[in-house]
Amino acid sequence: MNAAQVYIAISIIVLAVIALLMFVFKKRRAKLTPLTGLAFGFILAGMIFGDERIVGYSLMGIGVILAFVDMIMRLKKK
């Protein structure tokens, strides 16, 4: 394994731990919207396909943009 693969593996493990903690502490958890899940999926896909920089960064960028759009939509609802 090279350094990039180690970083990707660590990132995926950290995201899995965060998801596990979200399930453990259900009281404080906000419901995920479909747009949030889609953003999370794009970010994960960007990490997995990170070997090809253009594809990896594009997928992560799309995920971040979708996350910001979801945050703005949630703020406008309140």
PDB file of N, CA and C in Angstrom:
ATOM      1  N   MET A   1       0.848  -1.188   0.000  1.00  0.00           N
ATOM      2  CA  MET A   1       0.000   0.000   0.000  1.00  0.00           C
ATOM      3  C   MET A   1       0.884   1.238   0.000  1.00  0.00           C
ATOM      4  N   ASN A   2       0.546   2.157  -0.877  1.00  0.00           N
ATOM      5  CA  ASN A   2       1.289   3.411  -0.865  1.00  0.00           C
ATOM      6  C   ASN A   2       0.596   4.399   0.073  1.00  0.00           C
ATOM      7  N   ALA A   3       1.186   5.574   0.203  1.00  0.00           N
ATOM      8  CA  ALA A   3       0.683   6.551   1.170  1.00  0.00           C
ATOM      9  C   ALA A   3      -0.737   7.000   0.850  1.00  0.00           C
ATOM     10  N   ALA A   4      -1.057   7.179  -0.409  1.00  0.00           N
ATOM     11  CA  ALA A   4      -2.398   7.630  -0.789  1.00  0.00           C
ATOM     12  C   ALA A   4      -3.455   6.610  -0.389  1.00  0.00           C
ATOM     13  N   GLN A   5      -3.171   5.342  -0.577  1.00  0.00           N
ATOM     14  CA  GLN A   5      -4.127   4.309  -0.200  1.00  0.00           C
ATOM     15  C   GLN A   5      -4.317   4.243   1.307  1.00  0.00           C
ATOM     16  N   VAL A   6      -3.262   4.500   2.053  1.00  0.00           N
ATOM     17  CA  VAL A   6      -3.368   4.520   3.514  1.00  0.00           C
ATOM     18  C   VAL A   6      -4.267   5.672   3.952  1.00  0.00           C
ATOM     19  N   TYR A   7      -4.101   6.850   3.343  1.00  0.00           N
ATOM     20  CA  TYR A   7      -4.941   7.997   3.686  1.00  0.00           C
ATOM     21  C   TYR A   7      -6.408   7.729   3.340  1.00  0.00           C
ATOM     22  N   ILE A   8      -6.651   7.097   2.227  1.00  0.00           N
ATOM     23  CA  ILE A   8      -8.018   6.768   1.834  1.00  0.00           C
ATOM     24  C   ILE A   8      -8.620   5.787   2.824  1.00  0.00           C
ATOM     25  N   ALA A   9      -7.861   4.778   3.211  1.00  0.00           N
ATOM     26  CA  ALA A   9      -8.353   3.793   4.175  1.00  0.00           C
ATOM     27  C   ALA A   9      -8.654   4.452   5.521  1.00  0.00           C
ATOM     28  N   ILE A  10      -7.784   5.337   5.971  1.00  0.00           N
ATOM     29  CA  ILE A  10      -8.006   6.038   7.242  1.00  0.00           C
ATOM     30  C   ILE A  10      -9.250   6.903   7.149  1.00  0.00           C
ATOM     31  N   SER A  11      -9.444   7.591   6.028  1.00  0.00           N
ATOM     32  CA  SER A  11     -10.620   8.446   5.852  1.00  0.00           C
ATOM     33  C   SER A  11     -11.905   7.632   5.890  1.00  0.00           C
ATOM     34  N   ILE A  12     -11.907   6.497   5.237  1.00  0.00           N
ATOM     35  CA  ILE A  12     -13.100   5.650   5.228  1.00  0.00           C
ATOM     36  C   ILE A  12     -13.382   5.108   6.617  1.00  0.00           C
ATOM     37  N   ILE A  13     -12.343   4.732   7.356  1.00  0.00           N
ATOM     38  CA  ILE A  13     -12.526   4.240   8.722  1.00  0.00           C
ATOM     39  C   ILE A  13     -13.085   5.333   9.617  1.00  0.00           C
ATOM     40  N   VAL A  14     -12.571   6.551   9.489  1.00  0.00           N
ATOM     41  CA  VAL A  14     -13.063   7.668  10.296  1.00  0.00           C
ATOM     42  C   VAL A  14     -14.530   7.952   9.981  1.00  0.00           C
ATOM     43  N   LEU A  15     -14.901   7.941   8.702  1.00  0.00           N
ATOM     44  CA  LEU A  15     -16.297   8.157   8.334  1.00  0.00           C
ATOM     45  C   LEU A  15     -17.198   7.049   8.872  1.00  0.00           C
ATOM     46  N   ALA A  16     -16.709   5.819   8.874  1.00  0.00           N
ATOM     47  CA  ALA A  16     -17.485   4.711   9.423  1.00  0.00           C
ATOM     48  C   ALA A  16     -17.687   4.872  10.927  1.00  0.00           C
ATOM     49  N   VAL A  17     -16.657   5.328  11.623  1.00  0.00           N
ATOM     50  CA  VAL A  17     -16.772   5.554  13.074  1.00  0.00           C
ATOM     51  C   VAL A  17     -17.772   6.678  13.349  1.00  0.00           C
ATOM     52  N   ILE A  18     -17.739   7.732  12.558  1.00  0.00           N
ATOM     53  CA  ILE A  18     -18.690   8.829  12.733  1.00  0.00           C
ATOM     54  C   ILE A  18     -20.118   8.333  12.497  1.00  0.00           C
ATOM     55  N   ALA A  19     -20.320   7.528  11.460  1.00  0.00           N
ATOM     56  CA  ALA A  19     -21.650   6.979  11.188  1.00  0.00           C
ATOM     57  C   ALA A  19     -22.103   6.080  12.336  1.00  0.00           C
ATOM     58  N   LEU A  20     -21.203   5.285  12.881  1.00  0.00           N
ATOM     59  CA  LEU A  20     -21.535   4.419  14.007  1.00  0.00           C
ATOM     60  C   LEU A  20     -21.935   5.244  15.228  1.00  0.00           C
ATOM     61  N   LEU A  21     -21.196   6.318  15.490  1.00  0.00           N
ATOM     62  CA  LEU A  21     -21.531   7.178  16.625  1.00  0.00           C
ATOM     63  C   LEU A  21     -22.881   7.856  16.435  1.00  0.00           C
ATOM     64  N   MET A  22     -23.220   8.171  15.193  1.00  0.00           N
ATOM     65  CA  MET A  22     -24.527   8.771  14.926  1.00  0.00           C
ATOM     66  C   MET A  22     -25.650   7.799  15.267  1.00  0.00           C
ATOM     67  N   PHE A  23     -25.444   6.512  15.001  1.00  0.00           N
ATOM     68  CA  PHE A  23     -26.462   5.528  15.327  1.00  0.00           C
ATOM     69  C   PHE A  23     -26.537   5.278  16.829  1.00  0.00           C
ATOM     70  N   VAL A  24     -25.421   5.386  17.521  1.00  0.00           N
ATOM     71  CA  VAL A  24     -25.413   5.145  18.968  1.00  0.00           C
ATOM     72  C   VAL A  24     -26.133   6.280  19.700  1.00  0.00           C
ATOM     73  N   PHE A  25     -25.863   7.521  19.308  1.00  0.00           N
ATOM     74  CA  PHE A  25     -26.466   8.677  19.965  1.00  0.00           C
ATOM     75  C   PHE A  25     -27.645   9.172  19.140  1.00  0.00           C
ATOM     76  N   LYS A  26     -28.740   8.440  19.187  1.00  0.00           N
ATOM     77  CA  LYS A  26     -29.905   8.746  18.357  1.00  0.00           C
ATOM     78  C   LYS A  26     -30.634  10.012  18.796  1.00  0.00           C
ATOM     79  N   LYS A  27     -30.575  10.353  20.063  1.00  0.00           N
ATOM     80  CA  LYS A  27     -31.321  11.506  20.559  1.00  0.00           C
ATOM     81  C   LYS A  27     -30.867  12.807  19.896  1.00  0.00           C
ATOM     82  N   ARG A  28     -29.604  12.958  19.677  1.00  0.00           N
ATOM     83  CA  ARG A  28     -29.065  14.207  19.152  1.00  0.00           C
ATOM     84  C   ARG A  28     -28.949  14.189  17.636  1.00  0.00           C
ATOM     85  N   ARG A  29     -29.360  13.110  17.014  1.00  0.00           N
ATOM     86  CA  ARG A  29     -29.177  12.950  15.579  1.00  0.00           C
ATOM     87  C   ARG A  29     -30.294  13.629  14.802  1.00  0.00           C
ATOM     88  N   ALA A  30     -29.918  14.414  13.836  1.00  0.00           N
ATOM     89  CA  ALA A  30     -30.892  15.005  12.929  1.00  0.00           C
ATOM     90  C   ALA A  30     -31.129  14.026  11.784  1.00  0.00           C
ATOM     91  N   LYS A  31     -32.318  14.063  11.223  1.00  0.00           N
ATOM     92  CA  LYS A  31     -32.620  13.153  10.126  1.00  0.00           C
ATOM     93  C   LYS A  31     -31.842  13.572   8.883  1.00  0.00           C
ATOM     94  N   LEU A  32     -31.331  12.584   8.187  1.00  0.00           N
ATOM     95  CA  LEU A  32     -30.607  12.853   6.952  1.00  0.00           C
ATOM     96  C   LEU A  32     -31.597  12.979   5.803  1.00  0.00           C
ATOM     97  N   THR A  33     -31.387  13.992   5.006  1.00  0.00           N
ATOM     98  CA  THR A  33     -32.218  14.158   3.820  1.00  0.00           C
ATOM     99  C   THR A  33     -31.600  13.346   2.682  1.00  0.00           C
ATOM    100  N   PRO A  34     -32.362  13.084   1.654  1.00  0.00           N
ATOM    101  CA  PRO A  34     -31.787  12.369   0.507  1.00  0.00           C
ATOM    102  C   PRO A  34     -30.610  13.119  -0.124  1.00  0.00           C
ATOM    103  N   LEU A  35     -30.673  14.438  -0.095  1.00  0.00           N
ATOM    104  CA  LEU A  35     -29.579  15.231  -0.657  1.00  0.00           C
ATOM    105  C   LEU A  35     -28.300  15.076   0.163  1.00  0.00           C
ATOM    106  N   THR A  36     -28.438  14.956   1.474  1.00  0.00           N
ATOM    107  CA  THR A  36     -27.280  14.731   2.330  1.00  0.00           C
ATOM    108  C   THR A  36     -26.658  13.368   2.057  1.00  0.00           C
ATOM    109  N   GLY A  37     -27.503  12.362   1.904  1.00  0.00           N
ATOM    110  CA  GLY A  37     -26.999  11.024   1.592  1.00  0.00           C
ATOM    111  C   GLY A  37     -26.294  10.988   0.246  1.00  0.00           C
ATOM    112  N   LEU A  38     -26.822  11.712  -0.722  1.00  0.00           N
ATOM    113  CA  LEU A  38     -26.203  11.781  -2.036  1.00  0.00           C
ATOM    114  C   LEU A  38     -24.843  12.479  -1.954  1.00  0.00           C
ATOM    115  N   ALA A  39     -24.775  13.559  -1.170  1.00  0.00           N
ATOM    116  CA  ALA A  39     -23.509  14.264  -0.986  1.00  0.00           C
ATOM    117  C   ALA A  39     -22.477  13.360  -0.317  1.00  0.00           C
ATOM    118  N   PHE A  40     -22.907  12.621   0.697  1.00  0.00           N
ATOM    119  CA  PHE A  40     -22.021  11.690   1.386  1.00  0.00           C
ATOM    120  C   PHE A  40     -21.510  10.625   0.424  1.00  0.00           C
ATOM    121  N   GLY A  41     -22.392  10.127  -0.426  1.00  0.00           N
ATOM    122  CA  GLY A  41     -22.003   9.128  -1.416  1.00  0.00           C
ATOM    123  C   GLY A  41     -20.987   9.658  -2.417  1.00  0.00           C
ATOM    124  N   PHE A  42     -21.185  10.893  -2.884  1.00  0.00           N
ATOM    125  CA  PHE A  42     -20.226  11.485  -3.812  1.00  0.00           C
ATOM    126  C   PHE A  42     -18.858  11.672  -3.167  1.00  0.00           C
ATOM    127  N   ILE A  43     -18.837  12.079  -1.909  1.00  0.00           N
ATOM    128  CA  ILE A  43     -17.556  12.268  -1.222  1.00  0.00           C
ATOM    129  C   ILE A  43     -16.845  10.930  -1.044  1.00  0.00           C
ATOM    130  N   LEU A  44     -17.583   9.897  -0.662  1.00  0.00           N
ATOM    131  CA  LEU A  44     -16.982   8.564  -0.547  1.00  0.00           C
ATOM    132  C   LEU A  44     -16.466   8.065  -1.890  1.00  0.00           C
ATOM    133  N   ALA A  45     -17.251   8.281  -2.942  1.00  0.00           N
ATOM    134  CA  ALA A  45     -16.814   7.863  -4.279  1.00  0.00           C
ATOM    135  C   ALA A  45     -15.555   8.618  -4.691  1.00  0.00           C
ATOM    136  N   GLY A  46     -15.471   9.877  -4.329  1.00  0.00           N
ATOM    137  CA  GLY A  46     -14.270  10.666  -4.632  1.00  0.00           C
ATOM    138  C   GLY A  46     -13.042  10.119  -3.934  1.00  0.00           C
ATOM    139  N   MET A  47     -13.231   9.643  -2.701  1.00  0.00           N
ATOM    140  CA  MET A  47     -12.097   9.050  -1.989  1.00  0.00           C
ATOM    141  C   MET A  47     -11.709   7.706  -2.591  1.00  0.00           C
ATOM    142  N   ILE A  48     -12.699   6.940  -2.977  1.00  0.00           N
ATOM    143  CA  ILE A  48     -12.413   5.618  -3.531  1.00  0.00           C
ATOM    144  C   ILE A  48     -11.746   5.728  -4.897  1.00  0.00           C
ATOM    145  N   PHE A  49     -12.238   6.645  -5.729  1.00  0.00           N
ATOM    146  CA  PHE A  49     -11.669   6.818  -7.070  1.00  0.00           C
ATOM    147  C   PHE A  49     -10.629   7.933  -7.097  1.00  0.00           C
ATOM    148  N   GLY A  50      -9.925   8.123  -6.001  1.00  0.00           N
ATOM    149  CA  GLY A  50      -8.938   9.190  -5.881  1.00  0.00           C
ATOM    150  C   GLY A  50      -7.668   8.956  -6.674  1.00  0.00           C
ATOM    151  N   ASP A  51      -7.463   7.767  -7.206  1.00  0.00           N
ATOM    152  CA  ASP A  51      -6.260   7.506  -7.998  1.00  0.00           C
ATOM    153  C   ASP A  51      -6.229   8.385  -9.240  1.00  0.00           C
ATOM    154  N   GLU A  52      -7.373   8.569  -9.844  1.00  0.00           N
ATOM    155  CA  GLU A  52      -7.490   9.470 -10.993  1.00  0.00           C
ATOM    156  C   GLU A  52      -7.899  10.833 -10.430  1.00  0.00           C
ATOM    157  N   ARG A  53      -6.961  11.772 -10.375  1.00  0.00           N
ATOM    158  CA  ARG A  53      -7.199  13.030  -9.665  1.00  0.00           C
ATOM    159  C   ARG A  53      -8.409  13.800 -10.162  1.00  0.00           C
ATOM    160  N   ILE A  54      -8.561  13.910 -11.451  1.00  0.00           N
ATOM    161  CA  ILE A  54      -9.690  14.680 -11.987  1.00  0.00           C
ATOM    162  C   ILE A  54     -11.017  14.080 -11.528  1.00  0.00           C
ATOM    163  N   VAL A  55     -11.140  12.780 -11.618  1.00  0.00           N
ATOM    164  CA  VAL A  55     -12.384  12.114 -11.239  1.00  0.00           C
ATOM    165  C   VAL A  55     -12.601  12.225  -9.731  1.00  0.00           C
ATOM    166  N   GLY A  56     -11.575  11.943  -8.944  1.00  0.00           N
ATOM    167  CA  GLY A  56     -11.700  11.981  -7.489  1.00  0.00           C
ATOM    168  C   GLY A  56     -12.064  13.355  -6.963  1.00  0.00           C
ATOM    169  N   TYR A  57     -11.342  14.371  -7.420  1.00  0.00           N
ATOM    170  CA  TYR A  57     -11.620  15.733  -6.957  1.00  0.00           C
ATOM    171  C   TYR A  57     -12.963  16.235  -7.462  1.00  0.00           C
ATOM    172  N   SER A  58     -13.344  15.838  -8.654  1.00  0.00           N
ATOM    173  CA  SER A  58     -14.651  16.252  -9.182  1.00  0.00           C
ATOM    174  C   SER A  58     -15.777  15.661  -8.346  1.00  0.00           C
ATOM    175  N   LEU A  59     -15.677  14.384  -8.019  1.00  0.00           N
ATOM    176  CA  LEU A  59     -16.711  13.743  -7.202  1.00  0.00           C
ATOM    177  C   LEU A  59     -16.780  14.362  -5.804  1.00  0.00           C
ATOM    178  N   MET A  60     -15.623  14.630  -5.204  1.00  0.00           N
ATOM    179  CA  MET A  60     -15.624  15.260  -3.886  1.00  0.00           C
ATOM    180  C   MET A  60     -16.197  16.673  -3.955  1.00  0.00           C
ATOM    181  N   GLY A  61     -15.864  17.402  -5.012  1.00  0.00           N
ATOM    182  CA  GLY A  61     -16.397  18.754  -5.179  1.00  0.00           C
ATOM    183  C   GLY A  61     -17.904  18.751  -5.326  1.00  0.00           C
ATOM    184  N   ILE A  62     -18.431  17.811  -6.098  1.00  0.00           N
ATOM    185  CA  ILE A  62     -19.883  17.698  -6.251  1.00  0.00           C
ATOM    186  C   ILE A  62     -20.522  17.388  -4.900  1.00  0.00           C
ATOM    187  N   GLY A  63     -19.892  16.513  -4.123  1.00  0.00           N
ATOM    188  CA  GLY A  63     -20.424  16.176  -2.803  1.00  0.00           C
ATOM    189  C   GLY A  63     -20.448  17.368  -1.866  1.00  0.00           C
ATOM    190  N   VAL A  64     -19.394  18.165  -1.883  1.00  0.00           N
ATOM    191  CA  VAL A  64     -19.338  19.353  -1.018  1.00  0.00           C
ATOM    192  C   VAL A  64     -20.391  20.373  -1.450  1.00  0.00           C
ATOM    193  N   ILE A  65     -20.544  20.564  -2.758  1.00  0.00           N
ATOM    194  CA  ILE A  65     -21.550  21.508  -3.247  1.00  0.00           C
ATOM    195  C   ILE A  65     -22.945  21.054  -2.841  1.00  0.00           C
ATOM    196  N   LEU A  66     -23.230  19.768  -2.980  1.00  0.00           N
ATOM    197  CA  LEU A  66     -24.540  19.253  -2.572  1.00  0.00           C
ATOM    198  C   LEU A  66     -24.760  19.420  -1.070  1.00  0.00           C
ATOM    199  N   ALA A  67     -23.719  19.247  -0.275  1.00  0.00           N
ATOM    200  CA  ALA A  67     -23.844  19.432   1.176  1.00  0.00           C
ATOM    201  C   ALA A  67     -24.167  20.886   1.505  1.00  0.00           C
ATOM    202  N   PHE A  68     -23.508  21.826   0.829  1.00  0.00           N
ATOM    203  CA  PHE A  68     -23.791  23.245   1.063  1.00  0.00           C
ATOM    204  C   PHE A  68     -25.211  23.604   0.624  1.00  0.00           C
ATOM    205  N   VAL A  69     -25.647  23.065  -0.505  1.00  0.00           N
ATOM    206  CA  VAL A  69     -27.013  23.325  -0.966  1.00  0.00           C
ATOM    207  C   VAL A  69     -28.012  22.797   0.063  1.00  0.00           C
ATOM    208  N   ASP A  70     -27.758  21.619   0.611  1.00  0.00           N
ATOM    209  CA  ASP A  70     -28.643  21.051   1.619  1.00  0.00           C
ATOM    210  C   ASP A  70     -28.663  21.913   2.881  1.00  0.00           C
ATOM    211  N   MET A  71     -27.502  22.402   3.292  1.00  0.00           N
ATOM    212  CA  MET A  71     -27.449  23.261   4.482  1.00  0.00           C
ATOM    213  C   MET A  71     -28.236  24.540   4.259  1.00  0.00           C
ATOM    214  N   ILE A  72     -28.109  25.137   3.096  1.00  0.00           N
ATOM    215  CA  ILE A  72     -28.837  26.371   2.797  1.00  0.00           C
ATOM    216  C   ILE A  72     -30.337  26.107   2.771  1.00  0.00           C
ATOM    217  N   MET A  73     -30.735  24.997   2.179  1.00  0.00           N
ATOM    218  CA  MET A  73     -32.164  24.658   2.129  1.00  0.00           C
ATOM    219  C   MET A  73     -32.716  24.435   3.529  1.00  0.00           C
ATOM    220  N   ARG A  74     -31.949  23.811   4.409  1.00  0.00           N
ATOM    221  CA  ARG A  74     -32.411  23.582   5.783  1.00  0.00           C
ATOM    222  C   ARG A  74     -32.519  24.894   6.551  1.00  0.00           C
ATOM    223  N   LEU A  75     -31.575  25.826   6.327  1.00  0.00           N
ATOM    224  CA  LEU A  75     -31.631  27.104   7.028  1.00  0.00           C
ATOM    225  C   LEU A  75     -32.836  27.933   6.575  1.00  0.00           C
ATOM    226  N   LYS A  76     -33.181  27.842   5.298  1.00  0.00           N
ATOM    227  CA  LYS A  76     -34.322  28.600   4.793  1.00  0.00           C
ATOM    228  C   LYS A  76     -35.638  28.061   5.310  1.00  0.00           C
ATOM    229  N   LYS A  77     -35.705  26.767   5.645  1.00  0.00           N
ATOM    230  CA  LYS A  77     -36.930  26.181   6.186  1.00  0.00           C
ATOM    231  C   LYS A  77     -37.232  26.706   7.573  1.00  0.00           C
ATOM    232  N   LYS A  78     -36.202  27.022   8.338  1.00  0.00           N
ATOM    233  CA  LYS A  78     -36.397  27.490   9.715  1.00  0.00           C
ATOM    234  C   LYS A  78     -36.798  28.898   9.706  1.00  0.00           C
TER     235      LYS A  78
END
